Amino acid sequence: MGANRTKSIKLIVDAGMTALLLCLTAYQATGESLHEWFGIGMTALLILHHVLNRRWYGALFRGKYTAYRTLTTLVNTLLLASIALTALCGMAMSAHAVPFLYGMLPVSFARQVHLALSYWSFVLMGVHLGLHLPAMTARWNGRLKTTLAILFAAGAGVGAWLFYRNGITDYMLFRAPFAFFDYDKSAVLVFLENLAMLAAFACFGACVASLIRPAAGSMPGDVTA
């Protein structure tokens, strides 16, 4: 498979994972059955993502660990563990996609862990995306880049406020046993709010990456997933 084709497939897979993440966090708009199938799709794309980026694993113990490489490795590892455990707990509660796995973990335990780690996965995915943004946009036109950066920052500001207003840290810290959804809110608004919150953490990741990423690009052995 050619390098350009592989890169295109990676971009499609990453875009698909981001889209599915937004769908998964829009439970009140999709309903239980679709939520489960979106979760199965997310799990499949996660596996494919890591197969396509298998070089990252081969390079883990090679090369110098800069601050940027250390951070991306930590975020990647936590994100993989968080999504994997979220999927496992989701399957243990499944009533539609994989009902034969229902009860493989105590349901009350699976529900609390699934709720907390789903939001941890959301936050880590945003940071993961943001850590790669400076490199992805390095060759963009200056005026276009500035305009998009302003819009991105504005959306991120709204997202940070929504994250605080919705009390999502309570879910992440196991302080709320159940999620509370506004079923009267339109699906479009739900997706836009989730996109803004994802942008908030992507903006944070991008700011950190801009500060600590080597100016000359990736250091030897700095293979990112």
C-alpha atoms as a PDB file:
ATOM      1  CA  MET A   1       0.000   0.000   0.000  1.00  0.00           C
ATOM      2  CA  GLY A   2       1.449   3.381  -1.015  1.00  0.00           C
ATOM      3  CA  ALA A   3       2.338   5.982   1.597  1.00  0.00           C
ATOM      4  CA  ASN A   4      -0.204   8.505   0.272  1.00  0.00           C
ATOM      5  CA  ARG A   5      -2.977   5.921   0.237  1.00  0.00           C
ATOM      6  CA  THR A   6      -2.142   4.826   3.773  1.00  0.00           C
ATOM      7  CA  LYS A   7      -2.168   8.456   4.917  1.00  0.00           C
ATOM      8  CA  SER A   8      -5.566   9.011   3.285  1.00  0.00           C
ATOM      9  CA  ILE A   9      -6.986   5.913   4.987  1.00  0.00           C
ATOM     10  CA  LYS A  10      -5.627   7.104   8.330  1.00  0.00           C
ATOM     11  CA  LEU A  11      -7.321  10.481   7.882  1.00  0.00           C
ATOM     12  CA  ILE A  12     -10.628   8.808   6.989  1.00  0.00           C
ATOM     13  CA  VAL A  13     -10.404   6.497  10.011  1.00  0.00           C
ATOM     14  CA  ASP A  14      -9.536   9.406  12.330  1.00  0.00           C
ATOM     15  CA  ALA A  15     -12.407  11.488  10.935  1.00  0.00           C
ATOM     16  CA  GLY A  16     -14.742   8.534  11.396  1.00  0.00           C
ATOM     17  CA  MET A  17     -13.652   8.092  15.016  1.00  0.00           C
ATOM     18  CA  THR A  18     -14.203  11.776  15.729  1.00  0.00           C
ATOM     19  CA  ALA A  19     -17.667  11.674  14.137  1.00  0.00           C
ATOM     20  CA  LEU A  20     -18.609   8.543  16.083  1.00  0.00           C
ATOM     21  CA  LEU A  21     -17.354  10.118  19.305  1.00  0.00           C
ATOM     22  CA  LEU A  22     -19.716  13.048  18.761  1.00  0.00           C
ATOM     23  CA  CYS A  23     -22.552  10.606  18.055  1.00  0.00           C
ATOM     24  CA  LEU A  24     -21.768   8.593  21.182  1.00  0.00           C
ATOM     25  CA  THR A  25     -21.917  11.696  23.371  1.00  0.00           C
ATOM     26  CA  ALA A  26     -25.295  12.614  21.851  1.00  0.00           C
ATOM     27  CA  TYR A  27     -27.211   9.780  23.528  1.00  0.00           C
ATOM     28  CA  GLN A  28     -30.381  11.839  23.916  1.00  0.00           C
ATOM     29  CA  ALA A  29     -30.414  12.447  20.163  1.00  0.00           C
ATOM     30  CA  THR A  30     -29.549   8.924  18.964  1.00  0.00           C
ATOM     31  CA  GLY A  31     -31.258   6.639  21.449  1.00  0.00           C
ATOM     32  CA  GLU A  32     -30.023   3.452  23.097  1.00  0.00           C
ATOM     33  CA  SER A  33     -29.901   1.108  20.091  1.00  0.00           C
ATOM     34  CA  LEU A  34     -27.947   3.469  17.825  1.00  0.00           C
ATOM     35  CA  HIS A  35     -25.701   4.385  20.747  1.00  0.00           C
ATOM     36  CA  GLU A  36     -24.687   0.752  21.105  1.00  0.00           C
ATOM     37  CA  TRP A  37     -24.047   0.280  17.387  1.00  0.00           C
ATOM     38  CA  PHE A  38     -22.034   3.491  17.260  1.00  0.00           C
ATOM     39  CA  GLY A  39     -19.988   2.057  20.116  1.00  0.00           C
ATOM     40  CA  ILE A  40     -19.320  -1.125  18.140  1.00  0.00           C
ATOM     41  CA  GLY A  41     -18.253   1.000  15.164  1.00  0.00           C
ATOM     42  CA  MET A  42     -15.971   3.078  17.386  1.00  0.00           C
ATOM     43  CA  THR A  43     -14.340  -0.077  18.741  1.00  0.00           C
ATOM     44  CA  ALA A  44     -13.753  -1.406  15.227  1.00  0.00           C
ATOM     45  CA  LEU A  45     -12.230   1.884  14.044  1.00  0.00           C
ATOM     46  CA  LEU A  46     -10.046   2.053  17.156  1.00  0.00           C
ATOM     47  CA  ILE A  47      -8.598  -1.364  16.330  1.00  0.00           C
ATOM     48  CA  LEU A  48      -8.059  -0.322  12.707  1.00  0.00           C
ATOM     49  CA  HIS A  49      -6.458   2.949  13.826  1.00  0.00           C
ATOM     50  CA  HIS A  50      -3.882   1.105  15.896  1.00  0.00           C
ATOM     51  CA  VAL A  51      -3.199  -1.415  13.135  1.00  0.00           C
ATOM     52  CA  LEU A  52      -2.520   1.449  10.725  1.00  0.00           C
ATOM     53  CA  ASN A  53      -0.278   3.156  13.299  1.00  0.00           C
ATOM     54  CA  ARG A  54       1.536  -0.001  14.429  1.00  0.00           C
ATOM     55  CA  ARG A  55       4.902   1.684  13.744  1.00  0.00           C
ATOM     56  CA  TRP A  56       4.212   3.781  16.833  1.00  0.00           C
ATOM     57  CA  TYR A  57       4.460   0.673  19.007  1.00  0.00           C
ATOM     58  CA  GLY A  58       7.689  -0.419  17.331  1.00  0.00           C
ATOM     59  CA  ALA A  59       9.256   2.968  18.075  1.00  0.00           C
ATOM     60  CA  LEU A  60       8.200   3.192  21.721  1.00  0.00           C
ATOM     61  CA  PHE A  61      11.592   2.127  23.044  1.00  0.00           C
ATOM     62  CA  ARG A  62      13.687   3.887  20.425  1.00  0.00           C
ATOM     63  CA  GLY A  63      14.846   7.458  20.154  1.00  0.00           C
ATOM     64  CA  LYS A  64      14.887  10.343  22.582  1.00  0.00           C
ATOM     65  CA  TYR A  65      11.832  11.232  24.639  1.00  0.00           C
ATOM     66  CA  THR A  66      11.237  14.964  24.363  1.00  0.00           C
ATOM     67  CA  ALA A  67       8.561  16.660  26.460  1.00  0.00           C
ATOM     68  CA  TYR A  68       6.229  16.540  23.447  1.00  0.00           C
ATOM     69  CA  ARG A  69       6.837  12.866  22.752  1.00  0.00           C
ATOM     70  CA  THR A  70       6.394  11.972  26.422  1.00  0.00           C
ATOM     71  CA  LEU A  71       3.077  13.825  26.577  1.00  0.00           C
ATOM     72  CA  THR A  72       1.708  12.339  23.345  1.00  0.00           C
ATOM     73  CA  THR A  73       2.726   8.840  24.466  1.00  0.00           C
ATOM     74  CA  LEU A  74       0.968   9.338  27.805  1.00  0.00           C
ATOM     75  CA  VAL A  75      -2.195  10.740  26.190  1.00  0.00           C
ATOM     76  CA  ASN A  76      -2.263   7.980  23.548  1.00  0.00           C
ATOM     77  CA  THR A  77      -1.885   5.271  26.185  1.00  0.00           C
ATOM     78  CA  LEU A  78      -4.559   6.716  28.464  1.00  0.00           C
ATOM     79  CA  LEU A  79      -6.916   7.235  25.523  1.00  0.00           C
ATOM     80  CA  LEU A  80      -6.523   3.650  24.342  1.00  0.00           C
ATOM     81  CA  ALA A  81      -7.131   2.287  27.852  1.00  0.00           C
ATOM     82  CA  SER A  82     -10.095   4.602  28.431  1.00  0.00           C
ATOM     83  CA  ILE A  83     -11.884   3.763  25.174  1.00  0.00           C
ATOM     84  CA  ALA A  84     -11.179   0.040  25.568  1.00  0.00           C
ATOM     85  CA  LEU A  85     -12.625  -0.040  29.099  1.00  0.00           C
ATOM     86  CA  THR A  86     -15.573   2.124  28.043  1.00  0.00           C
ATOM     87  CA  ALA A  87     -16.335  -0.344  25.243  1.00  0.00           C
ATOM     88  CA  LEU A  88     -15.972  -3.340  27.573  1.00  0.00           C
ATOM     89  CA  CYS A  89     -18.375  -1.862  30.117  1.00  0.00           C
ATOM     90  CA  GLY A  90     -20.777  -0.834  27.357  1.00  0.00           C
ATOM     91  CA  MET A  91     -20.884  -4.393  26.024  1.00  0.00           C
ATOM     92  CA  ALA A  92     -21.602  -5.641  29.548  1.00  0.00           C
ATOM     93  CA  MET A  93     -24.804  -3.560  29.480  1.00  0.00           C
ATOM     94  CA  SER A  94     -25.750  -4.194  25.843  1.00  0.00           C
ATOM     95  CA  ALA A  95     -29.393  -4.916  25.064  1.00  0.00           C
ATOM     96  CA  HIS A  96     -29.205  -4.520  21.262  1.00  0.00           C
ATOM     97  CA  ALA A  97     -25.770  -4.857  19.623  1.00  0.00           C
ATOM     98  CA  VAL A  98     -24.208  -7.706  21.625  1.00  0.00           C
ATOM     99  CA  PRO A  99     -26.891  -8.813  24.122  1.00  0.00           C
ATOM    100  CA  PHE A 100     -25.127 -12.148  24.679  1.00  0.00           C
ATOM    101  CA  LEU A 101     -22.412 -10.213  26.560  1.00  0.00           C
ATOM    102  CA  TYR A 102     -24.893  -8.599  28.943  1.00  0.00           C
ATOM    103  CA  GLY A 103     -23.876  -9.169  32.546  1.00  0.00           C
ATOM    104  CA  MET A 104     -20.277 -10.247  31.891  1.00  0.00           C
ATOM    105  CA  LEU A 105     -19.489  -7.526  34.444  1.00  0.00           C
ATOM    106  CA  PRO A 106     -21.788  -6.433  37.295  1.00  0.00           C
ATOM    107  CA  VAL A 107     -24.169  -4.042  35.544  1.00  0.00           C
ATOM    108  CA  SER A 108     -24.153  -1.379  38.278  1.00  0.00           C
ATOM    109  CA  PHE A 109     -20.342  -1.335  38.218  1.00  0.00           C
ATOM    110  CA  ALA A 110     -20.237  -1.293  34.409  1.00  0.00           C
ATOM    111  CA  ARG A 111     -22.711   1.601  34.270  1.00  0.00           C
ATOM    112  CA  GLN A 112     -20.682   3.863  36.562  1.00  0.00           C
ATOM    113  CA  VAL A 113     -17.336   3.049  34.932  1.00  0.00           C
ATOM    114  CA  HIS A 114     -18.821   3.429  31.433  1.00  0.00           C
ATOM    115  CA  LEU A 115     -20.246   6.848  32.305  1.00  0.00           C
ATOM    116  CA  ALA A 116     -17.022   8.171  33.837  1.00  0.00           C
ATOM    117  CA  LEU A 117     -14.630   6.772  31.238  1.00  0.00           C
ATOM    118  CA  SER A 118     -16.777   7.851  28.303  1.00  0.00           C
ATOM    119  CA  TYR A 119     -16.180  11.456  29.324  1.00  0.00           C
ATOM    120  CA  TRP A 120     -12.503  10.792  30.024  1.00  0.00           C
ATOM    121  CA  SER A 121     -12.288   9.361  26.498  1.00  0.00           C
ATOM    122  CA  PHE A 122     -13.985  12.493  25.164  1.00  0.00           C
ATOM    123  CA  VAL A 123     -11.525  14.797  26.931  1.00  0.00           C
ATOM    124  CA  LEU A 124      -8.475  12.737  25.974  1.00  0.00           C
ATOM    125  CA  MET A 125      -9.619  12.514  22.343  1.00  0.00           C
ATOM    126  CA  GLY A 126      -9.858  16.300  22.226  1.00  0.00           C
ATOM    127  CA  VAL A 127      -6.371  16.705  23.695  1.00  0.00           C
ATOM    128  CA  HIS A 128      -5.041  14.002  21.346  1.00  0.00           C
ATOM    129  CA  LEU A 129      -6.407  15.854  18.317  1.00  0.00           C
ATOM    130  CA  GLY A 130      -5.065  19.165  19.579  1.00  0.00           C
ATOM    131  CA  LEU A 131      -1.553  17.849  20.128  1.00  0.00           C
ATOM    132  CA  HIS A 132      -1.326  17.098  16.406  1.00  0.00           C
ATOM    133  CA  LEU A 133      -2.970  20.313  15.154  1.00  0.00           C
ATOM    134  CA  PRO A 134       0.153  22.528  14.993  1.00  0.00           C
ATOM    135  CA  ALA A 135       1.949  19.991  12.789  1.00  0.00           C
ATOM    136  CA  MET A 136      -1.137  19.429  10.620  1.00  0.00           C
ATOM    137  CA  THR A 137      -1.673  23.149  10.009  1.00  0.00           C
ATOM    138  CA  ALA A 138       1.987  24.224   9.742  1.00  0.00           C
ATOM    139  CA  ARG A 139       1.793  24.751   5.949  1.00  0.00           C
ATOM    140  CA  TRP A 140      -1.585  26.441   5.832  1.00  0.00           C
ATOM    141  CA  ASN A 141      -1.967  29.929   4.358  1.00  0.00           C
ATOM    142  CA  GLY A 142      -1.279  32.554   7.015  1.00  0.00           C
ATOM    143  CA  ARG A 143      -4.524  34.534   6.621  1.00  0.00           C
ATOM    144  CA  LEU A 144      -6.687  31.406   6.469  1.00  0.00           C
ATOM    145  CA  LYS A 145      -4.866  29.931   9.449  1.00  0.00           C
ATOM    146  CA  THR A 146      -5.415  33.099  11.500  1.00  0.00           C
ATOM    147  CA  THR A 147      -9.132  33.271  10.647  1.00  0.00           C
ATOM    148  CA  LEU A 148      -9.710  29.616  11.488  1.00  0.00           C
ATOM    149  CA  ALA A 149      -7.685  29.955  14.694  1.00  0.00           C
ATOM    150  CA  ILE A 150      -9.935  32.818  15.850  1.00  0.00           C
ATOM    151  CA  LEU A 151     -13.101  30.831  15.086  1.00  0.00           C
ATOM    152  CA  PHE A 152     -11.604  27.755  16.730  1.00  0.00           C
ATOM    153  CA  ALA A 153     -10.686  29.694  19.873  1.00  0.00           C
ATOM    154  CA  ALA A 154     -14.168  31.246  20.068  1.00  0.00           C
ATOM    155  CA  GLY A 155     -15.810  27.834  19.751  1.00  0.00           C
ATOM    156  CA  ALA A 156     -13.416  26.419  22.326  1.00  0.00           C
ATOM    157  CA  GLY A 157     -14.343  29.187  24.766  1.00  0.00           C
ATOM    158  CA  VAL A 158     -18.026  28.347  24.412  1.00  0.00           C
ATOM    159  CA  GLY A 159     -17.190  24.662  24.802  1.00  0.00           C
ATOM    160  CA  ALA A 160     -15.239  25.228  28.028  1.00  0.00           C
ATOM    161  CA  TRP A 161     -18.214  27.126  29.469  1.00  0.00           C
ATOM    162  CA  LEU A 162     -20.628  24.343  28.426  1.00  0.00           C
ATOM    163  CA  PHE A 163     -18.362  21.712  29.969  1.00  0.00           C
ATOM    164  CA  TYR A 164     -18.426  23.593  33.265  1.00  0.00           C
ATOM    165  CA  ARG A 165     -22.145  24.372  33.112  1.00  0.00           C
ATOM    166  CA  ASN A 166     -23.087  20.765  32.419  1.00  0.00           C
ATOM    167  CA  GLY A 167     -21.123  19.534  35.427  1.00  0.00           C
ATOM    168  CA  ILE A 168     -19.274  16.904  33.429  1.00  0.00           C
ATOM    169  CA  THR A 169     -16.442  16.711  35.963  1.00  0.00           C
ATOM    170  CA  ASP A 170     -18.979  15.139  38.345  1.00  0.00           C
ATOM    171  CA  TYR A 171     -19.356  12.226  35.923  1.00  0.00           C
ATOM    172  CA  MET A 172     -15.608  11.930  35.393  1.00  0.00           C
ATOM    173  CA  LEU A 173     -14.914  11.800  39.138  1.00  0.00           C
ATOM    174  CA  PHE A 174     -17.700   9.272  39.878  1.00  0.00           C
ATOM    175  CA  ARG A 175     -19.700  11.862  41.802  1.00  0.00           C
ATOM    176  CA  ALA A 176     -22.850  11.310  39.686  1.00  0.00           C
ATOM    177  CA  PRO A 177     -24.084   7.718  39.220  1.00  0.00           C
ATOM    178  CA  PHE A 178     -26.378   8.552  36.298  1.00  0.00           C
ATOM    179  CA  ALA A 179     -26.198  10.911  33.333  1.00  0.00           C
ATOM    180  CA  PHE A 180     -28.857  13.597  33.044  1.00  0.00           C
ATOM    181  CA  PHE A 181     -29.938  14.433  29.493  1.00  0.00           C
ATOM    182  CA  ASP A 182     -32.190  17.159  28.150  1.00  0.00           C
ATOM    183  CA  TYR A 183     -34.404  15.229  25.744  1.00  0.00           C
ATOM    184  CA  ASP A 184     -36.165  18.434  24.674  1.00  0.00           C
ATOM    185  CA  LYS A 185     -32.972  19.851  23.186  1.00  0.00           C
ATOM    186  CA  SER A 186     -32.716  19.585  19.383  1.00  0.00           C
ATOM    187  CA  ALA A 187     -30.286  17.044  17.934  1.00  0.00           C
ATOM    188  CA  VAL A 188     -28.466  19.783  16.007  1.00  0.00           C
ATOM    189  CA  LEU A 189     -27.864  21.775  19.187  1.00  0.00           C
ATOM    190  CA  VAL A 190     -26.666  18.656  21.021  1.00  0.00           C
ATOM    191  CA  PHE A 191     -24.075  17.932  18.322  1.00  0.00           C
ATOM    192  CA  LEU A 192     -22.944  21.572  18.137  1.00  0.00           C
ATOM    193  CA  GLU A 193     -22.479  21.746  21.905  1.00  0.00           C
ATOM    194  CA  ASN A 194     -20.502  18.507  21.939  1.00  0.00           C
ATOM    195  CA  LEU A 195     -18.365  19.768  19.045  1.00  0.00           C
ATOM    196  CA  ALA A 196     -17.652  22.978  20.964  1.00  0.00           C
ATOM    197  CA  MET A 197     -16.624  21.026  24.071  1.00  0.00           C
ATOM    198  CA  LEU A 198     -14.364  18.791  21.974  1.00  0.00           C
ATOM    199  CA  ALA A 199     -12.842  21.948  20.471  1.00  0.00           C
ATOM    200  CA  ALA A 200     -12.094  23.252  23.973  1.00  0.00           C
ATOM    201  CA  PHE A 201      -9.831  20.314  24.743  1.00  0.00           C
ATOM    202  CA  ALA A 202      -8.367  20.281  21.246  1.00  0.00           C
ATOM    203  CA  CYS A 203      -7.501  23.958  21.721  1.00  0.00           C
ATOM    204  CA  PHE A 204      -5.827  23.129  25.023  1.00  0.00           C
ATOM    205  CA  GLY A 205      -3.836  20.326  23.386  1.00  0.00           C
ATOM    206  CA  ALA A 206      -2.821  22.584  20.492  1.00  0.00           C
ATOM    207  CA  CYS A 207      -1.626  25.320  22.857  1.00  0.00           C
ATOM    208  CA  VAL A 208       0.465  22.838  24.853  1.00  0.00           C
ATOM    209  CA  ALA A 209       1.893  21.330  21.650  1.00  0.00           C
ATOM    210  CA  SER A 210       2.844  24.783  20.349  1.00  0.00           C
ATOM    211  CA  LEU A 211       4.778  25.431  23.539  1.00  0.00           C
ATOM    212  CA  ILE A 212       6.668  22.149  23.874  1.00  0.00           C
ATOM    213  CA  ARG A 213       6.917  20.667  20.379  1.00  0.00           C
ATOM    214  CA  PRO A 214      10.448  20.952  18.902  1.00  0.00           C
ATOM    215  CA  ALA A 215      10.540  23.828  16.410  1.00  0.00           C
ATOM    216  CA  ALA A 216      12.350  21.727  13.842  1.00  0.00           C
ATOM    217  CA  GLY A 217       9.631  19.075  13.841  1.00  0.00           C
ATOM    218  CA  SER A 218       9.587  15.595  15.288  1.00  0.00           C
ATOM    219  CA  MET A 219      12.708  14.369  16.988  1.00  0.00           C
ATOM    220  CA  PRO A 220      14.254  11.057  15.936  1.00  0.00           C
ATOM    221  CA  GLY A 221      11.996   8.225  16.999  1.00  0.00           C
ATOM    222  CA  ASP A 222       9.063  10.586  17.543  1.00  0.00           C
ATOM    223  CA  VAL A 223       6.421   8.489  15.829  1.00  0.00           C
ATOM    224  CA  THR A 224       2.948   9.559  16.866  1.00  0.00           C
ATOM    225  CA  ALA A 225      -0.330   7.705  16.621  1.00  0.00           C
END
